[in-house]
């Protein structure tokens, strides 16, 4: 199987996986002070079952949001297709690839691989395995937490430089 990469920033790229990006500002969106409070243990927005239905639909993950010290979440529900064009995807490895500006975390179905799911460094490219063997019809929720940085003096805004779902031969 050749590598097939879907550009998740386009309608055409999301069509095979039946997904639509959702976006919300804050560590805990909708909470006072964007959910920032001392010693908060976790954000519920990382969980697959979290209700993001009232969040803004994000048509362009490259659009810059906010300035200064801020957080946001991008979420995308994905259903693996049987085929992409003429190519069957069953059995392929599935990867989510992105570059968060500036710091990021990638949560898949409410879980993070602490070795590979945390984006280390500012504007670092990142790739997380979604599945070692694609099974058509399987659903995943990808949640990306982004923070503006450096934290001591953040500049610019929050965005994803790109977002790709790649299917590669597992052999």
N, C-alpha and C. Protein backbone atom coordinates (compact mmCIF):
# COMPACT_ATOMS: atom_id res chain seq x y z
N UNK A 1 0.85 -1.18 0.00
CA UNK A 1 0.00 0.00 0.00
C UNK A 1 0.89 1.23 0.00
N UNK A 2 0.61 2.16 -0.86
CA UNK A 2 1.35 3.44 -0.81
C UNK A 2 0.89 4.24 0.39
N UNK A 3 1.71 5.19 0.80
CA UNK A 3 1.29 6.10 1.87
C UNK A 3 0.18 6.99 1.33
N UNK A 4 -0.88 7.08 2.08
CA UNK A 4 -1.99 7.97 1.73
C UNK A 4 -2.15 8.93 2.89
N UNK A 5 -2.10 10.21 2.61
CA UNK A 5 -2.23 11.22 3.66
C UNK A 5 -3.43 12.11 3.36
N UNK A 6 -4.32 12.22 4.32
CA UNK A 6 -5.48 13.10 4.20
C UNK A 6 -5.15 14.43 4.87
N UNK A 7 -5.34 15.52 4.16
CA UNK A 7 -5.15 16.86 4.73
C UNK A 7 -6.42 17.19 5.53
N UNK A 8 -6.32 17.12 6.83
CA UNK A 8 -7.49 17.32 7.69
C UNK A 8 -7.90 18.77 7.83
N UNK A 9 -7.20 19.65 7.13
CA UNK A 9 -7.60 21.06 7.13
C UNK A 9 -8.51 21.38 5.94
N UNK A 10 -8.82 20.39 5.12
CA UNK A 10 -9.71 20.62 3.98
C UNK A 10 -10.96 19.76 4.10
N UNK A 11 -12.04 20.23 3.53
CA UNK A 11 -13.29 19.48 3.50
C UNK A 11 -13.06 18.16 2.77
N UNK A 12 -12.33 18.21 1.65
CA UNK A 12 -12.07 17.01 0.86
C UNK A 12 -11.25 15.99 1.65
N UNK A 13 -10.29 16.47 2.43
CA UNK A 13 -9.46 15.59 3.23
C UNK A 13 -10.22 14.94 4.38
N UNK A 14 -11.21 15.64 4.91
CA UNK A 14 -12.00 15.11 6.03
C UNK A 14 -13.17 14.24 5.56
N UNK A 15 -13.56 14.38 4.32
CA UNK A 15 -14.74 13.65 3.83
C UNK A 15 -14.63 12.13 4.05
N UNK A 16 -13.50 11.48 3.72
CA UNK A 16 -13.44 10.01 3.91
C UNK A 16 -13.57 9.56 5.37
N UNK A 17 -13.21 10.41 6.31
CA UNK A 17 -13.25 10.02 7.72
C UNK A 17 -14.47 10.60 8.44
N UNK A 18 -15.32 11.30 7.68
CA UNK A 18 -16.58 11.86 8.19
C UNK A 18 -16.37 12.78 9.39
N UNK A 19 -15.31 13.57 9.36
CA UNK A 19 -14.97 14.40 10.51
C UNK A 19 -15.11 15.89 10.28
N UNK A 20 -15.24 16.60 11.38
CA UNK A 20 -15.32 18.06 11.37
C UNK A 20 -14.61 18.57 12.62
N UNK A 21 -13.67 19.47 12.43
CA UNK A 21 -12.94 20.04 13.57
C UNK A 21 -13.86 20.90 14.42
N UNK A 22 -13.68 20.81 15.73
CA UNK A 22 -14.31 21.71 16.70
C UNK A 22 -13.19 22.42 17.45
N UNK A 23 -13.46 23.63 17.90
CA UNK A 23 -12.43 24.46 18.52
C UNK A 23 -13.04 25.23 19.68
N UNK A 24 -12.27 25.35 20.77
CA UNK A 24 -12.71 26.17 21.90
C UNK A 24 -11.50 26.69 22.66
N UNK A 25 -11.58 27.94 23.07
CA UNK A 25 -10.52 28.54 23.87
C UNK A 25 -10.63 28.06 25.31
N UNK A 26 -9.45 27.94 25.95
CA UNK A 26 -9.40 27.64 27.37
C UNK A 26 -8.83 26.27 27.67
N UNK A 27 -8.30 26.11 28.86
CA UNK A 27 -7.85 24.82 29.34
C UNK A 27 -9.08 23.95 29.64
N UNK A 28 -10.11 24.58 30.22
CA UNK A 28 -11.42 23.96 30.38
C UNK A 28 -12.41 24.93 29.73
N UNK A 29 -12.71 24.71 28.45
CA UNK A 29 -13.57 25.65 27.72
C UNK A 29 -14.90 25.90 28.41
N UNK A 30 -15.32 27.17 28.39
CA UNK A 30 -16.60 27.55 28.96
C UNK A 30 -16.57 27.88 30.44
N UNK A 31 -15.47 27.59 31.11
CA UNK A 31 -15.36 27.87 32.53
C UNK A 31 -14.79 29.28 32.75
N UNK A 32 -15.08 29.90 33.89
CA UNK A 32 -14.48 31.21 34.19
C UNK A 32 -12.96 31.13 34.13
N UNK A 33 -12.34 32.20 33.67
CA UNK A 33 -10.88 32.28 33.53
C UNK A 33 -10.35 31.14 32.65
N UNK A 34 -11.16 30.71 31.69
CA UNK A 34 -10.83 29.62 30.76
C UNK A 34 -10.45 28.34 31.49
N UNK A 35 -10.98 28.16 32.71
CA UNK A 35 -10.74 26.94 33.47
C UNK A 35 -9.39 26.88 34.15
N UNK A 36 -8.65 28.00 34.11
CA UNK A 36 -7.34 28.00 34.76
C UNK A 36 -7.50 28.26 36.25
N UNK A 37 -7.06 27.30 37.05
CA UNK A 37 -7.06 27.48 38.49
C UNK A 37 -5.91 26.66 39.06
N UNK A 38 -5.40 27.08 40.20
CA UNK A 38 -4.25 26.42 40.80
C UNK A 38 -4.54 24.95 41.06
N UNK A 39 -3.61 24.13 40.74
CA UNK A 39 -3.59 22.70 41.02
C UNK A 39 -4.76 21.93 40.42
N UNK A 40 -5.32 22.43 39.33
CA UNK A 40 -6.34 21.69 38.60
C UNK A 40 -5.70 20.41 38.07
N UNK A 41 -6.32 19.26 38.27
CA UNK A 41 -5.69 17.97 37.98
C UNK A 41 -5.84 17.53 36.53
N UNK A 42 -6.87 17.97 35.81
CA UNK A 42 -7.07 17.52 34.43
C UNK A 42 -8.16 18.35 33.76
N UNK A 43 -8.12 18.35 32.44
CA UNK A 43 -9.18 19.00 31.67
C UNK A 43 -10.09 17.91 31.10
N UNK A 44 -11.39 18.04 31.29
CA UNK A 44 -12.30 17.03 30.75
C UNK A 44 -12.35 17.06 29.22
N UNK A 45 -11.87 18.13 28.59
CA UNK A 45 -11.92 18.24 27.12
C UNK A 45 -11.05 17.19 26.43
N UNK A 46 -10.17 16.51 27.16
CA UNK A 46 -9.31 15.48 26.59
C UNK A 46 -10.07 14.17 26.36
N UNK A 47 -11.19 13.99 27.04
CA UNK A 47 -11.93 12.73 27.04
C UNK A 47 -12.78 12.56 25.78
N UNK A 48 -12.83 11.34 25.28
CA UNK A 48 -13.58 11.06 24.04
C UNK A 48 -15.06 11.39 24.17
N UNK A 49 -15.64 11.14 25.35
CA UNK A 49 -17.08 11.35 25.53
C UNK A 49 -17.46 12.80 25.88
N UNK A 50 -16.48 13.67 25.97
CA UNK A 50 -16.74 15.08 26.28
C UNK A 50 -17.64 15.70 25.21
N UNK A 51 -18.62 16.48 25.63
CA UNK A 51 -19.57 17.09 24.69
C UNK A 51 -19.01 18.40 24.15
N UNK A 52 -18.55 18.36 22.90
CA UNK A 52 -18.03 19.56 22.25
C UNK A 52 -19.01 20.12 21.22
N UNK A 53 -20.26 19.68 21.28
CA UNK A 53 -21.24 20.05 20.25
C UNK A 53 -21.54 21.55 20.20
N UNK A 54 -21.29 22.28 21.27
CA UNK A 54 -21.54 23.72 21.27
C UNK A 54 -20.28 24.52 20.91
N UNK A 55 -19.18 23.83 20.69
CA UNK A 55 -17.95 24.50 20.30
C UNK A 55 -18.06 25.02 18.87
N UNK A 56 -17.24 25.99 18.57
CA UNK A 56 -17.16 26.55 17.23
C UNK A 56 -16.64 25.49 16.25
N UNK A 57 -17.26 25.45 15.07
CA UNK A 57 -16.72 24.60 14.00
C UNK A 57 -15.50 25.31 13.43
N UNK A 58 -14.41 24.60 13.36
CA UNK A 58 -13.15 25.18 12.90
C UNK A 58 -12.93 24.79 11.45
N UNK A 59 -13.06 25.74 10.56
CA UNK A 59 -12.90 25.47 9.13
C UNK A 59 -11.44 25.55 8.67
N UNK A 60 -10.59 26.15 9.51
CA UNK A 60 -9.19 26.33 9.13
C UNK A 60 -8.31 26.24 10.39
N UNK A 61 -7.64 25.10 10.59
CA UNK A 61 -6.81 24.93 11.79
C UNK A 61 -5.60 25.84 11.77
N UNK A 62 -5.30 26.43 10.61
CA UNK A 62 -4.15 27.33 10.50
C UNK A 62 -4.46 28.76 10.93
N UNK A 63 -5.73 29.05 11.15
CA UNK A 63 -6.11 30.40 11.57
C UNK A 63 -5.64 30.64 13.00
N UNK A 64 -4.97 31.77 13.21
CA UNK A 64 -4.42 32.11 14.52
C UNK A 64 -5.51 32.64 15.45
N UNK A 65 -5.48 32.16 16.70
CA UNK A 65 -6.43 32.58 17.72
C UNK A 65 -5.68 33.12 18.92
N UNK A 66 -6.23 34.11 19.55
CA UNK A 66 -5.76 34.62 20.83
C UNK A 66 -4.36 35.23 20.75
N UNK A 67 -3.98 35.82 21.83
CA UNK A 67 -2.62 36.33 22.03
C UNK A 67 -2.29 36.15 23.51
N UNK A 68 -1.02 36.22 23.83
CA UNK A 68 -0.62 36.12 25.23
C UNK A 68 -0.81 34.72 25.78
N UNK A 69 -0.84 34.62 27.09
CA UNK A 69 -0.95 33.34 27.78
C UNK A 69 -2.34 32.77 27.56
N UNK A 70 -2.44 31.71 26.78
CA UNK A 70 -3.75 31.14 26.47
C UNK A 70 -3.62 29.68 26.05
N UNK A 71 -4.73 28.99 26.16
CA UNK A 71 -4.86 27.59 25.78
C UNK A 71 -6.07 27.46 24.86
N UNK A 72 -6.08 26.39 24.07
CA UNK A 72 -7.28 26.04 23.32
C UNK A 72 -7.25 24.54 23.02
N UNK A 73 -8.40 24.03 22.65
CA UNK A 73 -8.55 22.64 22.25
C UNK A 73 -9.06 22.59 20.82
N UNK A 74 -8.52 21.66 20.05
CA UNK A 74 -9.05 21.27 18.75
C UNK A 74 -9.49 19.82 18.91
N UNK A 75 -10.68 19.49 18.43
CA UNK A 75 -11.17 18.11 18.53
C UNK A 75 -11.74 17.67 17.19
N UNK A 76 -11.48 16.40 16.85
CA UNK A 76 -11.95 15.83 15.60
C UNK A 76 -12.35 14.38 15.83
N UNK A 77 -13.61 14.05 15.51
CA UNK A 77 -14.05 12.66 15.55
C UNK A 77 -13.77 12.06 14.17
N UNK A 78 -13.17 10.87 14.17
CA UNK A 78 -12.73 10.20 12.95
C UNK A 78 -13.37 8.82 12.86
N UNK A 79 -13.86 8.45 11.69
CA UNK A 79 -14.30 7.08 11.43
C UNK A 79 -13.46 6.56 10.27
N UNK A 80 -12.71 5.47 10.52
CA UNK A 80 -11.83 4.95 9.48
C UNK A 80 -12.65 4.40 8.32
N UNK A 81 -12.33 4.81 7.09
CA UNK A 81 -13.08 4.36 5.92
C UNK A 81 -12.61 2.98 5.44
N UNK A 82 -13.39 2.37 4.58
CA UNK A 82 -12.96 1.11 3.96
C UNK A 82 -11.90 1.38 2.90
N UNK A 83 -12.09 2.47 2.17
CA UNK A 83 -11.18 2.79 1.07
C UNK A 83 -10.93 4.29 1.02
N UNK A 84 -9.79 4.63 0.51
CA UNK A 84 -9.51 6.02 0.15
C UNK A 84 -9.16 5.96 -1.33
N UNK A 85 -10.07 6.48 -2.13
CA UNK A 85 -9.92 6.31 -3.58
C UNK A 85 -10.03 4.83 -3.91
N UNK A 86 -9.03 4.32 -4.61
CA UNK A 86 -9.03 2.92 -5.01
C UNK A 86 -8.29 2.01 -4.03
N UNK A 87 -7.83 2.55 -2.92
CA UNK A 87 -6.97 1.79 -2.01
C UNK A 87 -7.73 1.39 -0.74
N UNK A 88 -7.71 0.08 -0.45
CA UNK A 88 -8.29 -0.42 0.80
C UNK A 88 -7.34 -0.08 1.94
N UNK A 89 -7.89 0.36 3.05
CA UNK A 89 -7.04 0.78 4.17
C UNK A 89 -6.97 -0.25 5.30
N UNK A 90 -7.76 -1.31 5.25
CA UNK A 90 -7.75 -2.33 6.31
C UNK A 90 -6.34 -2.85 6.51
N UNK A 91 -5.93 -2.92 7.77
CA UNK A 91 -4.62 -3.45 8.11
C UNK A 91 -3.48 -2.45 8.08
N UNK A 92 -3.72 -1.27 7.56
CA UNK A 92 -2.64 -0.27 7.50
C UNK A 92 -2.43 0.37 8.87
N UNK A 93 -1.25 0.96 9.04
CA UNK A 93 -0.99 1.75 10.25
C UNK A 93 -1.57 3.13 10.01
N UNK A 94 -2.14 3.72 11.06
CA UNK A 94 -2.77 5.03 10.94
C UNK A 94 -2.05 6.00 11.89
N UNK A 95 -1.66 7.14 11.35
CA UNK A 95 -0.92 8.15 12.09
C UNK A 95 -1.63 9.49 12.03
N UNK A 96 -1.63 10.21 13.15
CA UNK A 96 -2.05 11.61 13.16
C UNK A 96 -0.77 12.44 13.24
N UNK A 97 -0.64 13.40 12.33
CA UNK A 97 0.55 14.24 12.25
C UNK A 97 0.14 15.70 12.34
N UNK A 98 0.90 16.47 13.12
CA UNK A 98 0.59 17.89 13.27
C UNK A 98 1.81 18.66 13.72
N UNK A 99 1.65 19.96 13.75
CA UNK A 99 2.65 20.87 14.29
C UNK A 99 1.85 21.97 14.99
N UNK A 100 1.85 21.93 16.32
CA UNK A 100 1.09 22.91 17.11
C UNK A 100 1.95 24.13 17.39
N UNK A 101 1.36 25.28 17.25
CA UNK A 101 2.06 26.52 17.58
C UNK A 101 1.47 26.99 18.91
N UNK A 102 2.13 26.80 19.96
CA UNK A 102 3.53 26.51 20.23
C UNK A 102 3.70 25.15 20.91
N UNK A 103 3.03 24.92 22.03
CA UNK A 103 3.11 23.68 22.79
C UNK A 103 1.84 22.88 22.52
N UNK A 104 1.93 21.56 22.51
CA UNK A 104 0.74 20.77 22.28
C UNK A 104 0.76 19.42 22.95
N UNK A 105 -0.45 18.87 23.09
CA UNK A 105 -0.64 17.50 23.55
C UNK A 105 -1.68 16.86 22.65
N UNK A 106 -1.47 15.59 22.32
CA UNK A 106 -2.39 14.87 21.45
C UNK A 106 -3.00 13.73 22.26
N UNK A 107 -4.30 13.78 22.41
CA UNK A 107 -5.05 12.77 23.15
C UNK A 107 -5.90 12.00 22.15
N UNK A 108 -5.85 10.68 22.21
CA UNK A 108 -6.64 9.83 21.32
C UNK A 108 -7.57 8.99 22.19
N UNK A 109 -8.86 9.18 21.99
CA UNK A 109 -9.88 8.49 22.80
C UNK A 109 -9.62 8.68 24.30
N UNK A 110 -9.22 9.90 24.68
CA UNK A 110 -9.04 10.24 26.09
C UNK A 110 -7.73 9.78 26.69
N UNK A 111 -6.85 9.23 25.87
CA UNK A 111 -5.56 8.73 26.37
C UNK A 111 -4.42 9.47 25.67
N UNK A 112 -3.31 9.60 26.39
CA UNK A 112 -2.12 10.19 25.81
C UNK A 112 -0.96 9.22 26.03
N UNK A 113 -0.18 9.03 25.01
CA UNK A 113 1.05 8.27 25.14
C UNK A 113 2.09 9.30 25.59
N UNK A 114 2.47 9.25 26.84
CA UNK A 114 3.35 10.29 27.40
C UNK A 114 4.72 10.32 26.73
N UNK A 115 5.09 9.25 26.04
CA UNK A 115 6.36 9.24 25.32
C UNK A 115 6.23 9.89 23.95
N UNK A 116 5.05 9.78 23.31
CA UNK A 116 4.91 10.30 21.95
C UNK A 116 3.81 11.34 21.79
N UNK A 117 2.92 11.47 22.75
CA UNK A 117 1.77 12.37 22.58
C UNK A 117 1.99 13.79 23.01
N UNK A 118 3.11 14.06 23.66
CA UNK A 118 3.40 15.43 24.11
C UNK A 118 4.39 16.04 23.13
N UNK A 119 4.07 17.21 22.63
CA UNK A 119 4.95 17.90 21.69
C UNK A 119 6.00 18.63 22.49
N UNK A 120 7.23 18.23 22.30
CA UNK A 120 8.35 18.80 23.04
C UNK A 120 8.98 19.91 22.20
N UNK A 121 9.14 21.08 22.80
CA UNK A 121 9.74 22.19 22.07
C UNK A 121 8.68 23.03 21.39
N UNK A 122 9.08 24.20 21.02
CA UNK A 122 8.16 25.12 20.36
C UNK A 122 8.12 24.81 18.86
N UNK A 123 6.92 24.67 18.33
CA UNK A 123 6.69 24.43 16.91
C UNK A 123 7.33 23.14 16.41
N UNK A 124 7.33 22.09 17.22
CA UNK A 124 7.91 20.81 16.82
C UNK A 124 6.89 19.99 16.03
N UNK A 125 7.36 19.34 14.98
CA UNK A 125 6.50 18.42 14.23
C UNK A 125 6.23 17.21 15.10
N UNK A 126 5.03 16.63 14.94
CA UNK A 126 4.69 15.50 15.77
C UNK A 126 3.83 14.49 15.04
N UNK A 127 3.99 13.23 15.44
CA UNK A 127 3.29 12.13 14.79
C UNK A 127 2.94 11.10 15.87
N UNK A 128 1.65 10.76 15.96
CA UNK A 128 1.17 9.82 16.96
C UNK A 128 0.41 8.70 16.24
N UNK A 129 0.72 7.47 16.62
CA UNK A 129 0.01 6.34 16.01
C UNK A 129 -1.41 6.27 16.56
N UNK A 130 -2.37 6.24 15.65
CA UNK A 130 -3.78 6.11 16.01
C UNK A 130 -4.15 4.64 16.10
N UNK A 131 -3.63 3.85 15.15
CA UNK A 131 -3.91 2.41 15.13
C UNK A 131 -2.78 1.67 14.43
N UNK A 132 -2.35 0.54 15.00
CA UNK A 132 -1.32 -0.26 14.32
C UNK A 132 -1.90 -1.06 13.15
N UNK A 133 -3.23 -1.29 13.15
CA UNK A 133 -3.90 -2.00 12.07
C UNK A 133 -5.29 -1.44 11.91
N UNK A 134 -5.47 -0.67 10.86
CA UNK A 134 -6.76 -0.02 10.63
C UNK A 134 -7.87 -1.05 10.45
N UNK A 135 -8.99 -0.78 11.11
CA UNK A 135 -10.19 -1.57 10.94
C UNK A 135 -11.29 -0.61 10.50
N UNK A 136 -11.73 -0.70 9.24
CA UNK A 136 -12.77 0.21 8.76
C UNK A 136 -13.97 0.25 9.69
N UNK A 137 -14.48 1.46 9.91
CA UNK A 137 -15.62 1.66 10.80
C UNK A 137 -15.23 2.00 12.22
N UNK A 138 -13.95 1.78 12.58
CA UNK A 138 -13.50 2.12 13.93
C UNK A 138 -13.51 3.63 14.09
N UNK A 139 -13.95 4.08 15.26
CA UNK A 139 -14.04 5.51 15.52
C UNK A 139 -13.01 5.93 16.56
N UNK A 140 -12.46 7.11 16.36
CA UNK A 140 -11.49 7.71 17.28
C UNK A 140 -11.84 9.17 17.48
N UNK A 141 -11.54 9.70 18.65
CA UNK A 141 -11.64 11.13 18.89
C UNK A 141 -10.22 11.63 19.15
N UNK A 142 -9.78 12.55 18.32
CA UNK A 142 -8.47 13.16 18.46
C UNK A 142 -8.68 14.53 19.09
N UNK A 143 -8.07 14.76 20.24
CA UNK A 143 -8.16 16.05 20.94
C UNK A 143 -6.75 16.60 21.08
N UNK A 144 -6.56 17.83 20.61
CA UNK A 144 -5.25 18.46 20.65
C UNK A 144 -5.34 19.70 21.53
N UNK A 145 -4.58 19.69 22.63
CA UNK A 145 -4.48 20.86 23.50
C UNK A 145 -3.30 21.68 23.02
N UNK A 146 -3.51 22.97 22.81
CA UNK A 146 -2.45 23.87 22.34
C UNK A 146 -2.33 25.02 23.34
N UNK A 147 -1.08 25.37 23.65
CA UNK A 147 -0.80 26.51 24.53
C UNK A 147 0.16 27.46 23.81
N UNK A 148 -0.08 28.74 24.01
CA UNK A 148 0.81 29.74 23.41
C UNK A 148 2.10 29.81 24.23
N UNK A 149 3.20 30.01 23.59
CA UNK A 149 4.46 30.00 24.31
C UNK A 149 5.47 30.96 23.70
N UNK A 150 6.63 31.05 24.32
CA UNK A 150 6.98 30.40 25.57
C UNK A 150 6.09 30.93 26.71
N UNK A 151 5.82 30.09 27.69
CA UNK A 151 4.84 30.43 28.72
C UNK A 151 5.18 31.70 29.48
N UNK A 152 6.48 31.98 29.68
CA UNK A 152 6.90 33.17 30.42
C UNK A 152 6.67 34.46 29.66
N UNK A 153 6.59 34.39 28.33
CA UNK A 153 6.35 35.58 27.50
C UNK A 153 5.83 35.12 26.14
N UNK A 154 4.56 34.70 26.08
CA UNK A 154 4.00 34.18 24.83
C UNK A 154 3.88 35.27 23.76
N UNK A 155 4.08 34.84 22.53
CA UNK A 155 3.93 35.74 21.38
C UNK A 155 2.98 35.11 20.38
N UNK A 156 2.45 35.93 19.49
CA UNK A 156 1.62 35.41 18.42
C UNK A 156 0.34 34.78 18.93
N UNK A 157 -0.18 33.83 18.17
CA UNK A 157 -1.44 33.19 18.51
C UNK A 157 -1.31 31.68 18.52
N UNK A 158 -2.43 31.03 18.68
CA UNK A 158 -2.52 29.58 18.75
C UNK A 158 -3.08 29.07 17.43
N UNK A 159 -2.45 28.01 16.89
CA UNK A 159 -2.96 27.37 15.69
C UNK A 159 -2.22 26.07 15.45
N UNK A 160 -2.72 25.28 14.51
CA UNK A 160 -2.02 24.09 14.03
C UNK A 160 -1.48 24.42 12.65
N UNK A 161 -0.20 24.19 12.42
CA UNK A 161 0.39 24.48 11.11
C UNK A 161 -0.17 23.54 10.04
N UNK A 162 -0.46 22.32 10.42
CA UNK A 162 -1.10 21.34 9.55
C UNK A 162 -1.69 20.24 10.41
N UNK A 163 -2.53 19.44 9.83
CA UNK A 163 -3.09 18.26 10.50
C UNK A 163 -3.33 17.23 9.41
N UNK A 164 -2.73 16.06 9.59
CA UNK A 164 -2.78 15.01 8.57
C UNK A 164 -3.15 13.68 9.23
N UNK A 165 -3.95 12.89 8.55
CA UNK A 165 -4.19 11.50 8.93
C UNK A 165 -3.55 10.67 7.83
N UNK A 166 -2.52 9.89 8.20
CA UNK A 166 -1.76 9.12 7.21
C UNK A 166 -2.00 7.63 7.40
N UNK A 167 -2.14 6.94 6.28
CA UNK A 167 -2.30 5.50 6.25
C UNK A 167 -1.08 4.93 5.55
N UNK A 168 -0.39 3.99 6.23
CA UNK A 168 0.84 3.42 5.69
C UNK A 168 0.80 1.90 5.82
N UNK A 169 1.55 1.24 4.96
CA UNK A 169 1.65 -0.21 5.01
C UNK A 169 2.14 -0.63 6.38
N UNK A 170 1.53 -1.66 6.95
CA UNK A 170 1.95 -2.13 8.27
C UNK A 170 3.11 -3.11 8.19
N UNK A 171 3.51 -3.49 6.99
CA UNK A 171 4.57 -4.49 6.84
C UNK A 171 5.87 -3.97 6.48
